[in-house]
All heavy atoms as atom14 arrays in JSON, in Angstrom:
{
  "sequence": "IEKLTGKRFRGRKIRRKALDAAIKTVGRAQYQARRL",
  "atom14_mask": [
    [1, 1, 1, 1, 1, 1, 1, 1, 0, 0, 0, 0, 0, 0],
    [1, 1, 1, 1, 1, 1, 1, 1, 1, 0, 0, 0, 0, 0],
    [1, 1, 1, 1, 1, 1, 1, 1, 1, 0, 0, 0, 0, 0],
    [1, 1, 1, 1, 1, 1, 1, 1, 0, 0, 0, 0, 0, 0],
    [1, 1, 1, 1, 1, 1, 1, 0, 0, 0, 0, 0, 0, 0],
    [1, 1, 1, 1, 0, 0, 0, 0, 0, 0, 0, 0, 0, 0],
    [1, 1, 1, 1, 1, 1, 1, 1, 1, 0, 0, 0, 0, 0],
    [1, 1, 1, 1, 1, 1, 1, 1, 1, 1, 1, 0, 0, 0],
    [1, 1, 1, 1, 1, 1, 1, 1, 1, 1, 1, 0, 0, 0],
    [1, 1, 1, 1, 1, 1, 1, 1, 1, 1, 1, 0, 0, 0],
    [1, 1, 1, 1, 0, 0, 0, 0, 0, 0, 0, 0, 0, 0],
    [1, 1, 1, 1, 1, 1, 1, 1, 1, 1, 1, 0, 0, 0],
    [1, 1, 1, 1, 1, 1, 1, 1, 1, 0, 0, 0, 0, 0],
    [1, 1, 1, 1, 1, 1, 1, 1, 0, 0, 0, 0, 0, 0],
    [1, 1, 1, 1, 1, 1, 1, 1, 1, 1, 1, 0, 0, 0],
    [1, 1, 1, 1, 1, 1, 1, 1, 1, 1, 1, 0, 0, 0],
    [1, 1, 1, 1, 1, 1, 1, 1, 1, 0, 0, 0, 0, 0],
    [1, 1, 1, 1, 1, 0, 0, 0, 0, 0, 0, 0, 0, 0],
    [1, 1, 1, 1, 1, 1, 1, 1, 0, 0, 0, 0, 0, 0],
    [1, 1, 1, 1, 1, 1, 1, 1, 0, 0, 0, 0, 0, 0],
    [1, 1, 1, 1, 1, 0, 0, 0, 0, 0, 0, 0, 0, 0],
    [1, 1, 1, 1, 1, 0, 0, 0, 0, 0, 0, 0, 0, 0],
    [1, 1, 1, 1, 1, 1, 1, 1, 0, 0, 0, 0, 0, 0],
    [1, 1, 1, 1, 1, 1, 1, 1, 1, 0, 0, 0, 0, 0],
    [1, 1, 1, 1, 1, 1, 1, 0, 0, 0, 0, 0, 0, 0],
    [1, 1, 1, 1, 1, 1, 1, 0, 0, 0, 0, 0, 0, 0],
    [1, 1, 1, 1, 0, 0, 0, 0, 0, 0, 0, 0, 0, 0],
    [1, 1, 1, 1, 1, 1, 1, 1, 1, 1, 1, 0, 0, 0],
    [1, 1, 1, 1, 1, 0, 0, 0, 0, 0, 0, 0, 0, 0],
    [1, 1, 1, 1, 1, 1, 1, 1, 1, 0, 0, 0, 0, 0],
    [1, 1, 1, 1, 1, 1, 1, 1, 1, 1, 1, 1, 0, 0],
    [1, 1, 1, 1, 1, 1, 1, 1, 1, 0, 0, 0, 0, 0],
    [1, 1, 1, 1, 1, 0, 0, 0, 0, 0, 0, 0, 0, 0],
    [1, 1, 1, 1, 1, 1, 1, 1, 1, 1, 1, 0, 0, 0],
    [1, 1, 1, 1, 1, 1, 1, 1, 1, 1, 1, 0, 0, 0],
    [1, 1, 1, 1, 1, 1, 1, 1, 0, 0, 0, 0, 0, 0]
  ],
  "atom14_positions": [
    [[-26.3, 17.77, -6.8], [-26.28, 16.99, -5.54], [-26.14, 17.98, -4.37], [-26.83, 17.81, -3.37], [-25.18, 15.98, -5.54], [-25.44, 14.91, -6.66], [-25.04, 15.29, -4.21], [-24.29, 13.98, -6.92], [0.0, 0.0, 0.0], [0.0, 0.0, 0.0], [0.0, 0.0, 0.0], [0.0, 0.0, 0.0], [0.0, 0.0, 0.0], [0.0, 0.0, 0.0]],
    [[-25.24, 18.97, -4.56], [-25.05, 19.97, -3.45], [-26.28, 20.72, -3.23], [-26.64, 21.04, -2.02], [-23.91, 20.87, -3.86], [-22.52, 20.26, -3.78], [-21.45, 21.09, -4.42], [-21.76, 21.96, -5.24], [-20.24, 20.88, -4.08], [0.0, 0.0, 0.0], [0.0, 0.0, 0.0], [0.0, 0.0, 0.0], [0.0, 0.0, 0.0], [0.0, 0.0, 0.0]],
    [[-27.05, 21.07, -4.22], [-28.23, 21.8, -4.07], [-29.27, 20.98, -3.29], [-30.02, 21.51, -2.44], [-28.82, 22.23, -5.42], [-30.11, 23.08, -5.38], [-30.52, 23.47, -6.75], [-31.78, 24.34, -6.67], [-32.29, 24.75, -8.03], [0.0, 0.0, 0.0], [0.0, 0.0, 0.0], [0.0, 0.0, 0.0], [0.0, 0.0, 0.0], [0.0, 0.0, 0.0]],
    [[-29.41, 19.7, -3.65], [-30.36, 18.82, -3.0], [-30.05, 18.63, -1.5], [-30.95, 18.62, -0.63], [-30.41, 17.49, -3.63], [-31.41, 16.47, -3.12], [-32.87, 16.87, -3.41], [-31.12, 15.05, -3.68], [0.0, 0.0, 0.0], [0.0, 0.0, 0.0], [0.0, 0.0, 0.0], [0.0, 0.0, 0.0], [0.0, 0.0, 0.0], [0.0, 0.0, 0.0]],
    [[-28.79, 18.54, -1.19], [-28.35, 18.26, 0.16], [-27.76, 19.51, 0.87], [-27.22, 19.37, 1.96], [-27.32, 17.13, 0.2], [-26.17, 17.58, -0.55], [-27.83, 15.85, -0.38], [0.0, 0.0, 0.0], [0.0, 0.0, 0.0], [0.0, 0.0, 0.0], [0.0, 0.0, 0.0], [0.0, 0.0, 0.0], [0.0, 0.0, 0.0], [0.0, 0.0, 0.0]],
    [[-27.9, 20.68, 0.26], [-27.19, 21.87, 0.61], [-27.37, 22.32, 2.09], [-26.47, 22.93, 2.66], [0.0, 0.0, 0.0], [0.0, 0.0, 0.0], [0.0, 0.0, 0.0], [0.0, 0.0, 0.0], [0.0, 0.0, 0.0], [0.0, 0.0, 0.0], [0.0, 0.0, 0.0], [0.0, 0.0, 0.0], [0.0, 0.0, 0.0], [0.0, 0.0, 0.0]],
    [[-28.57, 22.13, 2.57], [-28.83, 22.62, 3.95], [-27.97, 21.96, 5.04], [-27.87, 22.43, 6.1], [-30.29, 22.41, 4.28], [-30.72, 20.97, 4.35], [-32.21, 20.85, 4.61], [-32.64, 19.4, 4.65], [-34.09, 19.27, 4.91], [0.0, 0.0, 0.0], [0.0, 0.0, 0.0], [0.0, 0.0, 0.0], [0.0, 0.0, 0.0], [0.0, 0.0, 0.0]],
    [[-27.32, 20.89, 4.61], [-26.43, 20.14, 5.52], [-24.99, 20.61, 5.51], [-24.16, 20.18, 6.32], [-26.47, 18.62, 5.27], [-27.8, 17.98, 5.45], [-27.81, 16.54, 4.98], [-26.68, 15.8, 5.59], [-26.75, 15.24, 6.77], [-27.77, 15.4, 7.55], [-25.65, 14.58, 7.22], [0.0, 0.0, 0.0], [0.0, 0.0, 0.0], [0.0, 0.0, 0.0]],
    [[-24.68, 21.52, 4.55], [-23.24, 21.89, 4.33], [-23.06, 23.35, 4.3], [-23.83, 24.1, 3.62], [-22.75, 21.25, 3.06], [-22.68, 19.77, 3.09], [-23.76, 19.02, 2.64], [-21.62, 19.1, 3.58], [-23.74, 17.65, 2.74], [-21.57, 17.74, 3.66], [-22.64, 17.02, 3.25], [0.0, 0.0, 0.0], [0.0, 0.0, 0.0], [0.0, 0.0, 0.0]],
    [[-22.1, 23.85, 4.98], [-21.77, 25.29, 4.91], [-21.35, 25.65, 3.5], [-20.55, 25.06, 2.88], [-20.58, 25.55, 5.87], [-20.2, 27.02, 5.98], [-19.03, 27.19, 6.94], [-17.86, 26.51, 6.4], [-16.76, 26.26, 7.09], [-16.71, 26.6, 8.39], [-15.73, 25.66, 6.54], [0.0, 0.0, 0.0], [0.0, 0.0, 0.0], [0.0, 0.0, 0.0]],
    [[-22.01, 26.71, 3.0], [-21.69, 27.11, 1.66], [-22.2, 26.19, 0.58], [-21.87, 26.36, -0.61], [0.0, 0.0, 0.0], [0.0, 0.0, 0.0], [0.0, 0.0, 0.0], [0.0, 0.0, 0.0], [0.0, 0.0, 0.0], [0.0, 0.0, 0.0], [0.0, 0.0, 0.0], [0.0, 0.0, 0.0], [0.0, 0.0, 0.0], [0.0, 0.0, 0.0]],
    [[-22.96, 25.18, 0.92], [-23.54, 24.23, -0.06], [-22.48, 23.57, -0.94], [-22.65, 23.4, -2.13], [-24.56, 24.93, -0.95], [-25.79, 25.35, -0.17], [-26.88, 25.83, -1.1], [-28.11, 26.11, -0.37], [-29.25, 26.44, -0.94], [-29.31, 26.5, -2.27], [-30.34, 26.67, -0.27], [0.0, 0.0, 0.0], [0.0, 0.0, 0.0], [0.0, 0.0, 0.0]],
    [[-21.38, 23.22, -0.36], [-20.26, 22.61, -1.14], [-19.89, 21.25, -0.58], [-19.87, 21.05, 0.64], [-19.04, 23.52, -1.15], [-19.22, 24.89, -1.8], [-19.42, 24.8, -3.33], [-19.49, 26.15, -3.94], [-19.68, 26.02, -5.41], [0.0, 0.0, 0.0], [0.0, 0.0, 0.0], [0.0, 0.0, 0.0], [0.0, 0.0, 0.0], [0.0, 0.0, 0.0]],
    [[-19.54, 20.36, -1.46], [-18.96, 19.11, -1.07], [-17.54, 19.39, -0.66], [-16.76, 19.92, -1.42], [-19.0, 18.04, -2.21], [-20.42, 17.59, -2.45], [-18.1, 16.85, -1.92], [-20.59, 16.65, -3.65], [0.0, 0.0, 0.0], [0.0, 0.0, 0.0], [0.0, 0.0, 0.0], [0.0, 0.0, 0.0], [0.0, 0.0, 0.0], [0.0, 0.0, 0.0]],
    [[-17.18, 18.99, 0.54], [-15.84, 19.34, 1.08], [-14.78, 18.27, 0.62], [-15.11, 17.15, 0.34], [-15.86, 19.38, 2.62], [-16.83, 20.44, 3.16], [-16.38, 21.82, 2.75], [-17.31, 22.84, 3.18], [-17.21, 24.1, 2.85], [-16.29, 24.53, 2.04], [-18.12, 25.0, 3.26], [0.0, 0.0, 0.0], [0.0, 0.0, 0.0], [0.0, 0.0, 0.0]],
    [[-13.55, 18.77, 0.58], [-12.44, 17.91, 0.13], [-12.31, 16.69, 0.99], [-12.14, 15.57, 0.42], [-11.18, 18.78, 0.2], [-9.87, 17.99, -0.25], [-8.66, 18.9, -0.09], [-8.47, 19.36, 1.27], [-7.89, 18.65, 2.26], [-7.46, 17.4, 1.96], [-7.75, 19.16, 3.42], [0.0, 0.0, 0.0], [0.0, 0.0, 0.0], [0.0, 0.0, 0.0]],
    [[-12.37, 16.81, 2.31], [-12.23, 15.62, 3.18], [-13.37, 14.65, 3.01], [-13.18, 13.45, 3.05], [-12.14, 16.08, 4.64], [-10.83, 16.78, 5.02], [-10.77, 17.09, 6.5], [-9.44, 17.78, 6.87], [-9.38, 18.09, 8.28], [0.0, 0.0, 0.0], [0.0, 0.0, 0.0], [0.0, 0.0, 0.0], [0.0, 0.0, 0.0], [0.0, 0.0, 0.0]],
    [[-14.58, 15.2, 2.78], [-15.77, 14.31, 2.58], [-15.6, 13.52, 1.27], [-15.92, 12.32, 1.22], [-17.04, 15.15, 2.55], [0.0, 0.0, 0.0], [0.0, 0.0, 0.0], [0.0, 0.0, 0.0], [0.0, 0.0, 0.0], [0.0, 0.0, 0.0], [0.0, 0.0, 0.0], [0.0, 0.0, 0.0], [0.0, 0.0, 0.0], [0.0, 0.0, 0.0]],
    [[-15.12, 14.14, 0.2], [-14.95, 13.5, -1.08], [-13.85, 12.45, -0.95], [-13.95, 11.3, -1.45], [-14.69, 14.52, -2.16], [-14.64, 13.97, -3.57], [-15.86, 13.16, -3.93], [-14.37, 15.07, -4.59], [0.0, 0.0, 0.0], [0.0, 0.0, 0.0], [0.0, 0.0, 0.0], [0.0, 0.0, 0.0], [0.0, 0.0, 0.0], [0.0, 0.0, 0.0]],
    [[-12.74, 12.75, -0.27], [-11.68, 11.8, -0.06], [-12.18, 10.61, 0.7], [-11.86, 9.46, 0.35], [-10.55, 12.5, 0.67], [-9.34, 11.55, 0.9], [-8.96, 10.85, -0.03], [-8.85, 11.53, 1.98], [0.0, 0.0, 0.0], [0.0, 0.0, 0.0], [0.0, 0.0, 0.0], [0.0, 0.0, 0.0], [0.0, 0.0, 0.0], [0.0, 0.0, 0.0]],
    [[-12.99, 10.83, 1.7], [-13.52, 9.72, 2.52], [-14.44, 8.85, 1.71], [-14.44, 7.62, 1.8], [-14.24, 10.27, 3.76], [0.0, 0.0, 0.0], [0.0, 0.0, 0.0], [0.0, 0.0, 0.0], [0.0, 0.0, 0.0], [0.0, 0.0, 0.0], [0.0, 0.0, 0.0], [0.0, 0.0, 0.0], [0.0, 0.0, 0.0], [0.0, 0.0, 0.0]],
    [[-15.26, 9.47, 0.87], [-16.2, 8.76, -0.02], [-15.45, 7.89, -1.01], [-15.82, 6.72, -1.26], [-17.13, 9.7, -0.71], [0.0, 0.0, 0.0], [0.0, 0.0, 0.0], [0.0, 0.0, 0.0], [0.0, 0.0, 0.0], [0.0, 0.0, 0.0], [0.0, 0.0, 0.0], [0.0, 0.0, 0.0], [0.0, 0.0, 0.0], [0.0, 0.0, 0.0]],
    [[-14.4, 8.43, -1.55], [-13.57, 7.67, -2.55], [-13.02, 6.42, -1.83], [-13.01, 5.28, -2.4], [-12.45, 8.53, -3.13], [-13.04, 9.58, -4.06], [-11.39, 7.67, -3.88], [-12.11, 10.64, -4.53], [0.0, 0.0, 0.0], [0.0, 0.0, 0.0], [0.0, 0.0, 0.0], [0.0, 0.0, 0.0], [0.0, 0.0, 0.0], [0.0, 0.0, 0.0]],
    [[-12.56, 6.6, -0.63], [-11.97, 5.44, 0.13], [-13.04, 4.4, 0.5], [-12.79, 3.21, 0.44], [-11.3, 5.97, 1.41], [-9.98, 6.72, 1.07], [-9.36, 7.28, 2.35], [-8.07, 8.05, 2.04], [-7.5, 8.69, 3.23], [0.0, 0.0, 0.0], [0.0, 0.0, 0.0], [0.0, 0.0, 0.0], [0.0, 0.0, 0.0], [0.0, 0.0, 0.0]],
    [[-14.24, 4.94, 0.83], [-15.34, 4.0, 1.17], [-15.68, 3.13, 0.0], [-15.84, 1.91, 0.14], [-16.57, 4.8, 1.66], [-16.19, 5.49, 2.9], [-17.74, 3.88, 1.98], [0.0, 0.0, 0.0], [0.0, 0.0, 0.0], [0.0, 0.0, 0.0], [0.0, 0.0, 0.0], [0.0, 0.0, 0.0], [0.0, 0.0, 0.0], [0.0, 0.0, 0.0]],
    [[-15.92, 3.75, -1.11], [-16.26, 2.99, -2.33], [-15.05, 2.08, -2.79], [-15.25, 0.98, -3.26], [-16.7, 3.93, -3.48], [-16.98, 3.14, -4.77], [-17.93, 4.68, -3.1], [0.0, 0.0, 0.0], [0.0, 0.0, 0.0], [0.0, 0.0, 0.0], [0.0, 0.0, 0.0], [0.0, 0.0, 0.0], [0.0, 0.0, 0.0], [0.0, 0.0, 0.0]],
    [[-13.87, 2.6, -2.57], [-12.68, 1.78, -2.92], [-12.62, 0.51, -2.12], [-12.16, -0.52, -2.65], [0.0, 0.0, 0.0], [0.0, 0.0, 0.0], [0.0, 0.0, 0.0], [0.0, 0.0, 0.0], [0.0, 0.0, 0.0], [0.0, 0.0, 0.0], [0.0, 0.0, 0.0], [0.0, 0.0, 0.0], [0.0, 0.0, 0.0], [0.0, 0.0, 0.0]],
    [[-13.02, 0.59, -0.86], [-13.03, -0.65, -0.01], [-14.03, -1.65, -0.57], [-13.77, -2.89, -0.5], [-13.25, -0.32, 1.46], [-12.07, 0.36, 2.09], [-12.27, 0.42, 3.62], [-13.2, 1.58, 3.94], [-12.81, 2.82, 4.17], [-11.49, 3.15, 4.06], [-13.68, 3.75, 4.47], [0.0, 0.0, 0.0], [0.0, 0.0, 0.0], [0.0, 0.0, 0.0]],
    [[-15.21, -1.17, -1.02], [-16.18, -2.06, -1.62], [-15.64, -2.66, -2.92], [-15.79, -3.87, -3.15], [-17.48, -1.26, -1.93], [0.0, 0.0, 0.0], [0.0, 0.0, 0.0], [0.0, 0.0, 0.0], [0.0, 0.0, 0.0], [0.0, 0.0, 0.0], [0.0, 0.0, 0.0], [0.0, 0.0, 0.0], [0.0, 0.0, 0.0], [0.0, 0.0, 0.0]],
    [[-14.93, -1.86, -3.71], [-14.32, -2.37, -4.93], [-13.32, -3.48, -4.63], [-13.16, -4.47, -5.36], [-13.69, -1.23, -5.69], [-14.67, -0.22, -6.24], [-13.97, 1.0, -6.77], [-12.99, 1.47, -6.24], [-14.47, 1.54, -7.88], [0.0, 0.0, 0.0], [0.0, 0.0, 0.0], [0.0, 0.0, 0.0], [0.0, 0.0, 0.0], [0.0, 0.0, 0.0]],
    [[-12.53, -3.26, -3.57], [-11.53, -4.27, -3.21], [-12.19, -5.61, -2.92], [-11.68, -6.65, -3.32], [-10.74, -3.77, -2.02], [-9.76, -4.79, -1.43], [-8.57, -5.05, -2.13], [-10.03, -5.49, -0.31], [-7.72, -6.07, -1.67], [-9.15, -6.48, 0.18], [-7.99, -6.74, -0.48], [-7.16, -7.72, -0.02], [0.0, 0.0, 0.0], [0.0, 0.0, 0.0]],
    [[-13.29, -5.56, -2.18], [-13.96, -6.82, -1.82], [-14.62, -7.44, -3.03], [-14.63, -8.68, -3.18], [-15.02, -6.59, -0.74], [-14.43, -6.23, 0.63], [-13.42, -7.29, 1.15], [-13.6, -8.48, 0.85], [-12.34, -6.84, 1.79], [0.0, 0.0, 0.0], [0.0, 0.0, 0.0], [0.0, 0.0, 0.0], [0.0, 0.0, 0.0], [0.0, 0.0, 0.0]],
    [[-15.1, -6.6, -3.97], [-15.62, -7.13, -5.21], [-14.53, -7.81, -6.09], [-14.79, -8.82, -6.69], [-16.3, -6.0, -6.03], [0.0, 0.0, 0.0], [0.0, 0.0, 0.0], [0.0, 0.0, 0.0], [0.0, 0.0, 0.0], [0.0, 0.0, 0.0], [0.0, 0.0, 0.0], [0.0, 0.0, 0.0], [0.0, 0.0, 0.0], [0.0, 0.0, 0.0]],
    [[-13.38, -7.25, -6.03], [-12.23, -7.85, -6.74], [-11.78, -9.2, -6.09], [-11.36, -10.09, -6.75], [-11.08, -6.9, -6.86], [-11.31, -5.74, -7.84], [-9.97, -5.04, -8.2], [-9.38, -4.42, -7.05], [-9.74, -3.22, -6.59], [-10.68, -2.53, -7.16], [-9.13, -2.67, -5.54], [0.0, 0.0, 0.0], [0.0, 0.0, 0.0], [0.0, 0.0, 0.0]],
    [[-11.9, -9.21, -4.77], [-11.62, -10.51, -4.05], [-12.58, -11.56, -4.56], [-12.17, -12.72, -4.83], [-11.77, -10.33, -2.55], [-10.59, -9.79, -1.84], [-10.8, -9.74, -0.34], [-10.77, -11.1, 0.21], [-11.23, -11.44, 1.45], [-11.72, -10.46, 2.22], [-11.11, -12.66, 1.89], [0.0, 0.0, 0.0], [0.0, 0.0, 0.0], [0.0, 0.0, 0.0]],
    [[-13.83, -11.25, -4.66], [-14.85, -12.24, -5.17], [-14.51, -12.63, -6.63], [-14.58, -13.82, -6.99], [-16.19, -11.65, -5.08], [-17.37, -12.53, -5.53], [-17.49, -13.75, -4.6], [-18.68, -11.77, -5.5], [0.0, 0.0, 0.0], [0.0, 0.0, 0.0], [0.0, 0.0, 0.0], [0.0, 0.0, 0.0], [0.0, 0.0, 0.0], [0.0, 0.0, 0.0]]
  ]
}
């Protein structure tokens, strides 16, 4: 994934803050799925 999107990231790495934010984003979707 990093190689495919690498030109957008310094050092071609997924950053810690970006991964934390992504986990929270998907977590919010999961919460609404559990509500349903």
